[in-house]
Amino acid sequence: MVQVLLPARLLQEAAACAVLGAALGAARAFLPVRGRAAFAPDVLLSGAVLLACQSYAAGYSAAGGLRWYMAAAAFAAALCAAGVLGVPLRALGRGIGAVLRRFAVQPVRRRRAAAKTARKLRRNAERTAKKSKKNLPNQRALLYNSNVSK
């Protein structure tokens, strides 16, 4: 027969699973939330939440097995933590990315563009230095017996 827990013990186990879920949700907050890039983190989060709940239930739970309220509390806490922490963390990531682009990437691109322009100018100068003879355009072929003029 299935063991029935007292409401206080039941809430204690749900809270413990919620803490596990919140910790996993906080880790999920660093990862993308939309598009194809979000599929793998979502699947991994689901598996990690179920594994954490099962481990808790097997090792510490008075019930001795995984129950629906444990999984529900863990998933709810994981989704809430990912939602609440995800917004500021993604904003922070965008800010750090903007600073890196401004101070690291753009100067490198400018130096590369300047070096490319300098190489092109040097190459063109070398070509014109080698060609001392002026190249005149070829005369077009004359068309005899025709009314077409140049």
Protein backbone atom coordinates (compact mmCIF):
# COMPACT_ATOMS: atom_id res chain seq x y z
CA MET A 1 0.00 0.00 0.00
CA VAL A 2 1.16 3.53 -0.80
CA GLN A 3 2.37 5.48 2.19
CA VAL A 4 0.35 8.64 2.92
CA LEU A 5 2.35 11.63 4.13
CA LEU A 6 1.28 14.28 6.55
CA PRO A 7 0.61 17.67 4.91
CA ALA A 8 3.63 19.26 6.64
CA ARG A 9 5.97 16.55 5.33
CA LEU A 10 4.36 16.77 1.89
CA LEU A 11 4.97 20.54 1.75
CA GLN A 12 8.54 20.02 2.96
CA GLU A 13 9.25 17.59 0.13
CA ALA A 14 7.58 19.88 -2.43
CA ALA A 15 9.70 22.77 -1.17
CA ALA A 16 12.88 20.71 -1.43
CA CYS A 17 12.04 19.78 -5.02
CA ALA A 18 11.18 23.41 -5.75
CA VAL A 19 14.66 24.43 -4.55
CA LEU A 20 16.21 21.83 -6.85
CA GLY A 21 14.07 23.07 -9.74
CA ALA A 22 14.93 26.71 -9.02
CA ALA A 23 18.64 25.91 -9.09
CA LEU A 24 18.28 24.18 -12.45
CA GLY A 25 16.09 27.01 -13.76
CA ALA A 26 18.75 29.53 -12.75
CA ALA A 27 21.27 27.59 -14.85
CA ARG A 28 18.74 27.57 -17.73
CA ALA A 29 18.42 31.37 -17.54
CA PHE A 30 21.84 31.79 -19.18
CA LEU A 31 20.78 29.96 -22.35
CA PRO A 32 18.63 31.16 -25.29
CA VAL A 33 14.85 31.08 -24.98
CA ARG A 34 13.63 31.37 -28.59
CA GLY A 35 14.19 29.61 -31.87
CA ARG A 36 16.04 26.42 -32.61
CA ALA A 37 18.77 27.23 -30.12
CA ALA A 38 16.28 26.87 -27.25
CA PHE A 39 15.20 23.30 -27.99
CA ALA A 40 18.23 21.49 -26.62
CA PRO A 41 18.41 23.55 -23.37
CA ASP A 42 14.69 22.94 -22.80
CA VAL A 43 15.08 19.20 -23.26
CA LEU A 44 18.14 19.16 -21.01
CA LEU A 45 16.28 21.18 -18.37
CA SER A 46 13.38 18.73 -18.40
CA GLY A 47 15.69 15.77 -18.05
CA ALA A 48 17.75 17.43 -15.33
CA VAL A 49 14.64 18.36 -13.32
CA LEU A 50 13.30 14.82 -13.55
CA LEU A 51 16.69 13.35 -12.64
CA ALA A 52 17.07 15.70 -9.66
CA CYS A 53 13.54 14.93 -8.43
CA GLN A 54 14.08 11.19 -8.82
CA SER A 55 17.39 11.39 -6.99
CA TYR A 56 15.82 13.36 -4.17
CA ALA A 57 12.88 10.98 -3.98
CA ALA A 58 15.12 7.91 -3.90
CA GLY A 59 17.55 9.28 -1.34
CA TYR A 60 15.78 11.68 1.00
CA SER A 61 12.03 11.47 0.52
CA ALA A 62 9.87 9.89 3.20
CA ALA A 63 7.55 8.66 0.45
CA GLY A 64 10.38 6.64 -1.07
CA GLY A 65 9.46 7.39 -4.67
CA LEU A 66 8.82 10.20 -7.07
CA ARG A 67 5.37 11.72 -6.72
CA TRP A 68 3.52 14.11 -9.01
CA TYR A 69 3.67 17.06 -6.61
CA MET A 70 7.47 16.80 -6.46
CA ALA A 71 7.82 17.03 -10.22
CA ALA A 72 5.19 19.77 -10.45
CA ALA A 73 6.92 21.89 -7.78
CA ALA A 74 10.33 21.38 -9.41
CA PHE A 75 9.10 22.29 -12.91
CA ALA A 76 7.18 25.32 -11.65
CA ALA A 77 10.20 26.59 -9.73
CA ALA A 78 12.53 25.93 -12.68
CA LEU A 79 10.33 27.83 -15.11
CA CYS A 80 9.84 30.72 -12.68
CA ALA A 81 13.55 30.98 -11.93
CA ALA A 82 14.45 30.84 -15.62
CA GLY A 83 11.85 33.51 -16.40
CA VAL A 84 12.71 35.83 -13.54
CA LEU A 85 16.50 35.53 -13.80
CA GLY A 86 16.57 35.19 -17.57
CA VAL A 87 15.46 38.76 -18.34
CA PRO A 88 18.24 40.59 -16.46
CA LEU A 89 20.85 38.00 -17.41
CA ARG A 90 20.07 38.28 -21.12
CA ALA A 91 20.04 42.08 -20.85
CA LEU A 92 23.42 41.93 -19.13
CA GLY A 93 24.70 39.63 -21.86
CA ARG A 94 23.49 42.03 -24.57
CA GLY A 95 25.20 44.92 -22.77
CA ILE A 96 28.46 43.03 -22.45
CA GLY A 97 28.21 42.04 -26.13
CA ALA A 98 27.65 45.66 -27.15
CA VAL A 99 30.66 46.81 -25.11
CA LEU A 100 32.83 44.07 -26.61
CA ARG A 101 31.74 44.96 -30.14
CA ARG A 102 32.37 48.65 -29.48
CA PHE A 103 35.79 48.35 -27.88
CA ALA A 104 37.18 45.07 -29.21
CA VAL A 105 35.60 44.08 -32.52
CA GLN A 106 35.17 47.45 -34.25
CA PRO A 107 38.80 48.58 -33.76
CA VAL A 108 40.03 45.27 -35.15
CA ARG A 109 37.73 45.64 -38.18
CA ARG A 110 38.92 49.20 -38.73
CA ARG A 111 42.57 48.12 -38.59
CA ARG A 112 41.88 45.28 -41.04
CA ALA A 113 40.09 47.64 -43.44
CA ALA A 114 42.93 50.17 -43.21
CA ALA A 115 45.51 47.45 -43.82
CA LYS A 116 43.51 46.16 -46.79
CA THR A 117 43.30 49.65 -48.27
CA ALA A 118 47.03 50.20 -47.71
CA ARG A 119 47.85 46.87 -49.40
CA LYS A 120 45.67 47.78 -52.35
CA LEU A 121 47.31 51.19 -52.72
CA ARG A 122 50.80 49.65 -52.50
CA ARG A 123 49.91 46.99 -55.04
CA ASN A 124 48.48 49.56 -57.45
CA ALA A 125 51.54 51.79 -56.98
CA GLU A 126 53.84 48.86 -57.73
CA ARG A 127 51.86 47.99 -60.85
CA THR A 128 51.96 51.53 -62.19
CA ALA A 129 55.68 51.78 -61.39
CA LYS A 130 56.36 48.65 -63.44
CA LYS A 131 54.33 49.95 -66.39
CA SER A 132 56.28 52.93 -67.64
CA LYS A 133 54.88 52.59 -71.16
CA LYS A 134 51.53 54.18 -71.74
CA ASN A 135 48.88 51.87 -73.12
CA LEU A 136 46.78 53.52 -75.75
CA PRO A 137 43.35 52.16 -76.61
CA ASN A 138 43.17 50.00 -79.72
CA GLN A 139 41.59 51.47 -82.82
CA ARG A 140 38.27 49.98 -83.72
CA ALA A 141 38.11 48.02 -86.93
CA LEU A 142 36.88 50.05 -89.88
CA LEU A 143 33.71 48.93 -91.49
CA TYR A 144 33.88 49.21 -95.28
CA ASN A 145 30.84 49.54 -97.43
CA SER A 146 28.60 50.46 -94.56
CA ASN A 147 26.67 53.50 -93.50
CA VAL A 148 27.68 53.07 -89.87
CA SER A 149 30.03 55.69 -88.56
CA LYS A 150 32.03 55.76 -85.41
